[in-house]
Amino acid sequence: MGGSDHMGRLRSAACTSIGRVRENNEDNVQLWQQDGYVIAVVADGMGGAAAGEQASQIAVDAIQTMLNTYQTDSHVLDERPDEQIVSIILDAIRKANASILRRATDDPELRGMGTTMTVTFARPNRALIAHVGDSRAYLIDSRSKRINQITADHSFVEALVAAGHLTQEQAEEHPMRNVLYRALGQNEDIDIDIYEIRLRYGDRIVMCSDGLTHHVKSMEIAAIASEEGDPSACCDKLIALANERGGEDNISVVVIGAEIGLAERATIELQSLDLSVDDTLVLKNAADQTKLDPLEGGEDETMPGLSEN
C-alpha cells in the first residue's frame, strides 16, 4: 500500500502466520492506509482456546470503530494535531480493555482472556506509538542501518533486566519470559505508554508479536528490513525465517517505510540537471514547484514514552 503528501509518502504491509506449533492464531494484525497516514495494530491474544483470538479481535475492532467515528467528511483524522490523535487512540485502547473485561465477565469460558496491543499512527515524517504488553515496535535508521527498540516490554523478565537482576541473554531463555504484568483484560485501569519518533527518508518501522522476536534477533530484523525494499516481501522474509527456526508461536509483522514522494523526487531530478544559459524550463503549474524538504530528524531518533495514568 502507498500514500503521499507534500512531505513524502509511506509504504506498508502486514502479515501473520500461525507458526509451526500452535493449532490456532491468537494474533491479530491490521493495517489501514490513507493518503496522509498509516494506522497499524499488532495484538497478541492470550487466554487459551478461543479466548485469545477474541481478545485480540476486540483490540483491532476498537481501532476500526475509532476510524469509523473520526474518518468522515467532517472529521478527517489526519488533519488533527498529534495531541488529539494521541487522545483518540488512548480512548480506543481503553474501550477495548473495557470490552474485553465485559466479555470475560459475561462468558465464564473466556475468563482470563487478554491481549497485547501496539498501535502506530504514522505520517511520512513522524509517528506516534501507543503500547501495552510485549508486542514490539522497532525503528531502523536508513543511514546507519541501526535498529532501536522503541517500546519497552511489559513483562516480569524485562523488569528484572531493567533492574539489573538478569542479562538480556538470560531473559531470552527464561521460562517466565512471556508472563506480562500489563496487558488488556487484566484490570479496569490500564497504563498505556506513548512514544513519538521522527522519520527520515528510508527509515522503517517494524512492529511484531513475540513470535518473531523469539526466533529472530533484532540485528537480523534490521538487516532484512534494510536490504528488502518492498514492505510486503520484508514481512514474508521475517516470518519465513521465524518459521524456519521452529515457529513456536504465532508470528505477526507490520513494516512501514518512509519514502520520498513524487514531488520531492522530481525536485531532486531538477536540481541534478546541468542547464546551460539558453536552456528554458517551463512548469505547467506553479503548484508543481514543490520545495524539497528532506525528512530530517534531530539527533535523538526516539523520545522516551510517557505512561498514561
Protein backbone atom coordinates (compact mmCIF):
# COMPACT_ATOMS: atom_id res chain seq x y z
CA MET A 1 0.00 0.00 0.00
CA GLY A 2 1.13 3.58 -0.57
CA GLY A 3 0.09 7.08 0.37
CA SER A 4 1.64 10.51 -0.07
CA ASP A 5 1.58 14.14 0.98
CA HIS A 6 3.90 17.09 0.49
CA MET A 7 6.47 15.60 2.87
CA GLY A 8 6.77 12.24 1.16
CA ARG A 9 4.87 9.01 1.30
CA LEU A 10 4.51 5.81 3.27
CA ARG A 11 4.52 2.23 2.04
CA SER A 12 3.35 -0.50 4.35
CA ALA A 13 2.44 -4.16 4.62
CA ALA A 14 1.24 -6.59 7.27
CA CYS A 15 1.31 -10.36 7.56
CA THR A 16 0.56 -13.02 10.15
CA SER A 17 1.31 -16.74 10.42
CA ILE A 18 0.00 -19.46 12.71
CA GLY A 19 3.56 -20.76 13.05
CA ARG A 20 4.52 -24.43 13.17
CA VAL A 21 3.35 -25.47 16.62
CA ARG A 22 0.10 -23.73 17.55
CA GLU A 23 -3.28 -25.00 16.39
CA ASN A 24 -4.87 -21.55 16.11
CA ASN A 25 -3.70 -17.99 15.56
CA GLU A 26 -4.36 -15.72 18.53
CA ASP A 27 -2.52 -12.83 16.86
CA ASN A 28 -4.50 -10.16 15.08
CA VAL A 29 -2.75 -7.68 12.84
CA GLN A 30 -4.40 -4.91 10.86
CA LEU A 31 -3.37 -2.05 8.63
CA TRP A 32 -5.28 0.99 7.40
CA GLN A 33 -3.67 3.32 4.87
CA GLN A 34 -4.93 6.70 3.71
CA ASP A 35 -3.20 9.33 1.60
CA GLY A 36 -1.63 11.11 4.55
CA TYR A 37 -1.15 8.43 7.17
CA VAL A 38 -0.98 4.77 8.15
CA ILE A 39 -2.53 3.16 11.21
CA ALA A 40 -1.27 -0.29 12.19
CA VAL A 41 -2.20 -2.62 15.06
CA VAL A 42 -0.48 -5.73 16.37
CA ALA A 43 -2.44 -7.59 19.06
CA ASP A 44 -1.23 -10.88 20.54
CA GLY A 45 -4.12 -12.58 22.34
CA MET A 46 -3.87 -14.87 25.33
CA GLY A 47 -6.20 -16.98 27.37
CA GLY A 48 -6.34 -20.32 25.62
CA ALA A 49 -8.94 -21.87 23.32
CA ALA A 50 -10.81 -19.10 21.51
CA ALA A 51 -10.29 -16.51 24.27
CA GLY A 52 -7.04 -15.11 22.92
CA GLU A 53 -8.42 -14.81 19.41
CA GLN A 54 -11.47 -12.93 20.65
CA ALA A 55 -9.42 -10.58 22.83
CA SER A 56 -7.08 -9.60 20.01
CA GLN A 57 -10.04 -9.16 17.65
CA ILE A 58 -11.70 -6.81 20.14
CA ALA A 59 -8.48 -4.75 20.17
CA VAL A 60 -8.48 -4.42 16.38
CA ASP A 61 -12.22 -3.71 16.28
CA ALA A 62 -11.72 -0.80 18.69
CA ILE A 63 -9.41 0.91 16.19
CA GLN A 64 -11.83 0.20 13.35
CA THR A 65 -14.62 1.82 15.38
CA MET A 66 -12.36 4.80 16.02
CA LEU A 67 -11.77 5.17 12.29
CA ASN A 68 -15.48 4.87 11.53
CA THR A 69 -16.11 7.68 14.01
CA TYR A 70 -13.37 10.12 13.06
CA GLN A 71 -12.51 9.45 9.42
CA THR A 72 -15.56 11.16 7.93
CA ASP A 73 -16.00 14.20 5.70
CA SER A 74 -16.45 16.44 8.74
CA HIS A 75 -13.79 14.79 10.95
CA VAL A 76 -10.75 13.97 8.81
CA LEU A 77 -8.33 12.19 11.11
CA ASP A 78 -5.02 13.26 9.56
CA GLU A 79 -5.96 16.95 9.83
CA ARG A 80 -6.00 16.73 13.61
CA PRO A 81 -2.90 17.70 15.66
CA ASP A 82 -0.82 14.96 17.23
CA GLU A 83 -2.16 15.71 20.71
CA GLN A 84 -5.70 14.92 19.56
CA ILE A 85 -4.56 11.79 17.73
CA VAL A 86 -2.96 10.52 20.94
CA SER A 87 -6.13 11.23 22.92
CA ILE A 88 -8.30 9.42 20.34
CA ILE A 89 -6.05 6.34 20.30
CA LEU A 90 -5.85 6.19 24.09
CA ASP A 91 -9.64 6.32 24.26
CA ALA A 92 -9.91 3.45 21.75
CA ILE A 93 -7.48 1.28 23.73
CA ARG A 94 -9.33 1.93 26.98
CA LYS A 95 -12.61 0.99 25.33
CA ALA A 96 -11.02 -2.21 24.04
CA ASN A 97 -9.83 -3.03 27.54
CA ALA A 98 -13.32 -2.45 28.98
CA SER A 99 -14.90 -4.59 26.25
CA ILE A 100 -12.53 -7.49 26.96
CA LEU A 101 -13.31 -7.33 30.67
CA ARG A 102 -17.07 -7.30 29.98
CA ARG A 103 -16.81 -10.22 27.58
CA ALA A 104 -14.87 -12.28 30.13
CA THR A 105 -17.42 -11.47 32.83
CA ASP A 106 -20.35 -12.44 30.62
CA ASP A 107 -18.82 -15.73 29.46
CA PRO A 108 -17.07 -17.86 32.11
CA GLU A 109 -15.26 -19.84 29.41
CA LEU A 110 -13.45 -16.67 28.37
CA ARG A 111 -12.25 -15.64 31.82
CA GLY A 112 -8.57 -14.81 31.80
CA MET A 113 -8.68 -13.56 28.23
CA GLY A 114 -6.38 -10.71 27.35
CA THR A 115 -4.17 -9.26 24.65
CA THR A 116 -1.19 -7.08 23.98
CA MET A 117 -1.85 -4.03 21.84
CA THR A 118 0.63 -1.88 19.95
CA VAL A 119 -0.79 0.86 17.73
CA THR A 120 1.17 3.05 15.32
CA PHE A 121 -0.16 6.23 13.72
CA ALA A 122 2.44 7.19 11.13
CA ARG A 123 2.75 10.25 8.95
CA PRO A 124 5.54 10.44 6.34
CA ASN A 125 7.86 12.34 8.70
CA ARG A 126 6.85 11.17 12.18
CA ALA A 127 4.94 8.52 14.08
CA LEU A 128 3.02 8.13 17.31
CA ILE A 129 3.01 4.73 19.00
CA ALA A 130 0.74 3.52 21.82
CA HIS A 131 1.79 0.34 23.58
CA VAL A 132 0.62 -2.23 26.14
CA GLY A 133 2.26 -5.64 26.53
CA ASP A 134 5.24 -7.14 24.72
CA SER A 135 4.41 -6.80 21.02
CA ARG A 136 7.26 -4.59 19.89
CA ALA A 137 7.88 -1.64 17.62
CA TYR A 138 11.36 -1.02 16.20
CA LEU A 139 12.87 1.84 14.22
CA ILE A 140 15.52 1.02 11.61
CA ASP A 141 17.61 4.06 10.72
CA SER A 142 18.08 4.39 6.96
CA ARG A 143 21.57 5.85 7.22
CA SER A 144 23.29 3.85 9.94
CA LYS A 145 21.15 0.70 9.46
CA ARG A 146 20.95 0.58 13.26
CA ILE A 147 17.83 -0.73 14.96
CA ASN A 148 16.30 0.80 18.06
CA GLN A 149 13.57 -0.88 20.07
CA ILE A 150 11.00 1.86 20.59
CA THR A 151 8.68 0.07 23.00
CA ALA A 152 9.51 -1.47 26.36
CA ASP A 153 8.17 -4.96 27.09
CA HIS A 154 5.70 -5.06 29.98
CA SER A 155 6.95 -8.44 31.15
CA PHE A 156 8.30 -9.54 34.52
CA VAL A 157 11.51 -10.77 32.91
CA GLU A 158 12.20 -7.43 31.22
CA ALA A 159 11.56 -5.71 34.54
CA LEU A 160 14.27 -7.93 36.04
CA VAL A 161 16.60 -6.98 33.18
CA ALA A 162 15.92 -3.28 33.78
CA ALA A 163 16.68 -3.75 37.47
CA GLY A 164 19.97 -5.49 36.65
CA HIS A 165 18.96 -8.90 38.02
CA LEU A 166 19.09 -10.64 34.63
CA THR A 167 21.13 -10.16 31.49
CA GLN A 168 19.35 -9.84 28.16
CA GLU A 169 20.73 -13.25 27.18
CA GLN A 170 19.30 -14.82 30.33
CA ALA A 171 15.97 -13.14 29.74
CA GLU A 172 15.66 -14.63 26.25
CA GLU A 173 15.76 -18.16 27.71
CA HIS A 174 13.91 -17.52 30.95
CA PRO A 175 10.87 -19.80 31.48
CA MET A 176 8.72 -16.80 32.50
CA ARG A 177 9.70 -14.56 29.61
CA ASN A 178 6.10 -14.48 28.31
CA VAL A 179 4.46 -13.55 31.62
CA LEU A 180 3.14 -10.00 31.41
CA TYR A 181 2.45 -7.54 34.21
CA ARG A 182 0.49 -5.28 31.87
CA ALA A 183 -1.97 -6.26 29.14
CA LEU A 184 -5.52 -5.52 28.07
CA GLY A 185 -8.04 -7.52 30.08
CA GLN A 186 -6.12 -7.55 33.38
CA ASN A 187 -7.53 -4.50 35.19
CA GLU A 188 -10.15 -1.81 34.70
CA ASP A 189 -7.48 0.89 34.85
CA ILE A 190 -4.72 0.47 32.29
CA ASP A 191 -1.46 2.33 31.79
CA ILE A 192 -0.58 2.98 28.15
CA ASP A 193 2.89 4.00 27.00
CA ILE A 194 3.08 6.69 24.31
CA TYR A 195 6.12 7.26 22.09
CA GLU A 196 6.87 9.85 19.41
CA ILE A 197 9.53 9.28 16.77
CA ARG A 198 10.82 11.25 13.80
CA LEU A 199 11.08 9.57 10.42
CA ARG A 200 13.54 10.31 7.63
CA TYR A 201 13.53 9.10 4.06
CA GLY A 202 14.29 5.38 4.05
CA ASP A 203 13.53 4.73 7.72
CA ARG A 204 11.48 1.65 8.58
CA ILE A 205 9.14 0.92 11.46
CA VAL A 206 8.80 -2.80 12.18
CA MET A 207 6.01 -3.93 14.52
CA CYS A 208 5.78 -7.56 15.58
CA SER A 209 4.42 -10.07 18.05
CA ASP A 210 6.84 -12.02 20.22
CA GLY A 211 6.55 -14.98 17.88
CA LEU A 212 9.06 -13.16 15.68
CA THR A 213 11.47 -11.92 18.34
CA HIS A 214 11.64 -15.35 19.99
CA HIS A 215 13.42 -16.66 16.89
CA VAL A 216 14.86 -13.62 15.08
CA LYS A 217 17.38 -11.27 16.65
CA SER A 218 16.98 -7.51 16.38
CA MET A 219 20.07 -7.13 14.19
CA GLU A 220 18.65 -9.73 11.81
CA ILE A 221 15.40 -7.75 11.66
CA ALA A 222 17.44 -4.64 10.84
CA ALA A 223 19.39 -6.40 8.09
CA ILE A 224 16.31 -7.78 6.35
CA ALA A 225 14.36 -4.52 6.68
CA SER A 226 17.30 -2.55 5.28
CA GLU A 227 18.01 -4.87 2.36
CA GLU A 228 14.44 -5.58 1.25
CA GLY A 229 12.84 -2.51 -0.32
CA ASP A 230 9.33 -3.93 -0.62
CA PRO A 231 7.47 -3.94 2.74
CA SER A 232 5.39 -6.99 1.79
CA ALA A 233 8.46 -9.02 0.84
CA CYS A 234 10.15 -7.87 4.06
CA CYS A 235 7.22 -9.20 6.13
CA ASP A 236 7.33 -12.51 4.27
CA LYS A 237 11.07 -12.94 4.80
CA LEU A 238 10.90 -12.20 8.52
CA ILE A 239 8.04 -14.64 9.06
CA ALA A 240 9.72 -17.30 6.92
CA LEU A 241 12.90 -17.02 8.99
CA ALA A 242 10.97 -17.39 12.27
CA ASN A 243 9.18 -20.46 10.89
CA GLU A 244 12.46 -21.96 9.67
CA ARG A 245 13.76 -21.74 13.23
CA GLY A 246 10.79 -23.53 14.75
CA GLY A 247 7.78 -21.22 14.55
CA GLU A 248 6.90 -22.00 18.16
CA ASP A 249 4.32 -19.21 18.41
CA ASN A 250 2.06 -17.21 16.11
CA ILE A 251 4.10 -14.67 14.15
CA SER A 252 2.85 -11.24 13.07
CA VAL A 253 4.79 -8.45 11.36
CA VAL A 254 3.99 -4.95 10.10
CA VAL A 255 6.51 -2.93 8.09
CA ILE A 256 6.04 0.81 7.47
CA GLY A 257 8.55 2.60 5.27
CA ALA A 258 9.05 6.35 4.86
CA GLU A 259 9.71 7.05 1.21
CA ILE A 260 10.23 10.13 -0.86
CA GLY A 261 7.17 11.45 -2.67
CA LEU A 262 6.83 12.17 -6.38
CA ALA A 263 7.18 15.91 -5.92
CA GLU A 264 10.38 15.56 -3.92
CA ARG A 265 11.81 13.09 -6.44
CA ALA A 266 11.04 15.50 -9.28
CA THR A 267 12.78 18.30 -7.40
CA ILE A 268 15.89 16.19 -6.87
CA GLU A 269 15.98 15.37 -10.58
CA LEU A 270 15.57 19.05 -11.42
CA GLN A 271 18.44 20.04 -9.16
CA SER A 272 20.69 17.46 -10.82
CA LEU A 273 20.14 18.90 -14.32
CA ASP A 274 23.08 20.78 -15.83
CA LEU A 275 21.20 23.52 -17.72
CA SER A 276 23.04 25.98 -19.94
CA VAL A 277 22.15 29.68 -20.02
CA ASP A 278 20.00 29.15 -23.11
CA ASP A 279 18.01 26.28 -21.66
CA THR A 280 14.47 27.11 -20.58
CA LEU A 281 12.40 25.00 -18.22
CA VAL A 282 8.64 25.55 -18.31
CA LEU A 283 6.45 24.31 -15.48
CA LYS A 284 2.82 23.75 -16.40
CA ASN A 285 1.58 24.79 -12.99
CA ALA A 286 3.19 26.84 -10.27
CA ALA A 287 1.83 24.33 -7.79
CA ASP A 288 4.27 21.80 -9.24
CA GLN A 289 7.18 23.76 -7.81
CA THR A 290 7.42 21.84 -4.57
CA LYS A 291 10.45 22.67 -2.49
CA LEU A 292 12.49 19.70 -1.34
CA ASP A 293 12.02 19.19 2.38
CA PRO A 294 14.05 16.14 3.44
CA LEU A 295 12.64 14.00 6.22
CA GLU A 296 15.27 15.05 8.69
CA GLY A 297 15.08 14.14 12.34
CA GLY A 298 17.02 15.57 15.25
CA GLU A 299 19.97 13.98 16.92
CA ASP A 300 17.68 11.85 19.08
CA GLU A 301 15.76 9.35 16.95
CA THR A 302 13.31 8.44 19.69
CA MET A 303 11.70 10.20 22.59
CA PRO A 304 11.01 8.13 25.72
CA GLY A 305 7.38 7.32 26.23
CA LEU A 306 5.22 8.73 28.99
CA SER A 307 2.91 6.40 30.87
CA GLU A 308 -0.73 7.38 30.66
CA ASN A 309 -2.31 7.03 34.08
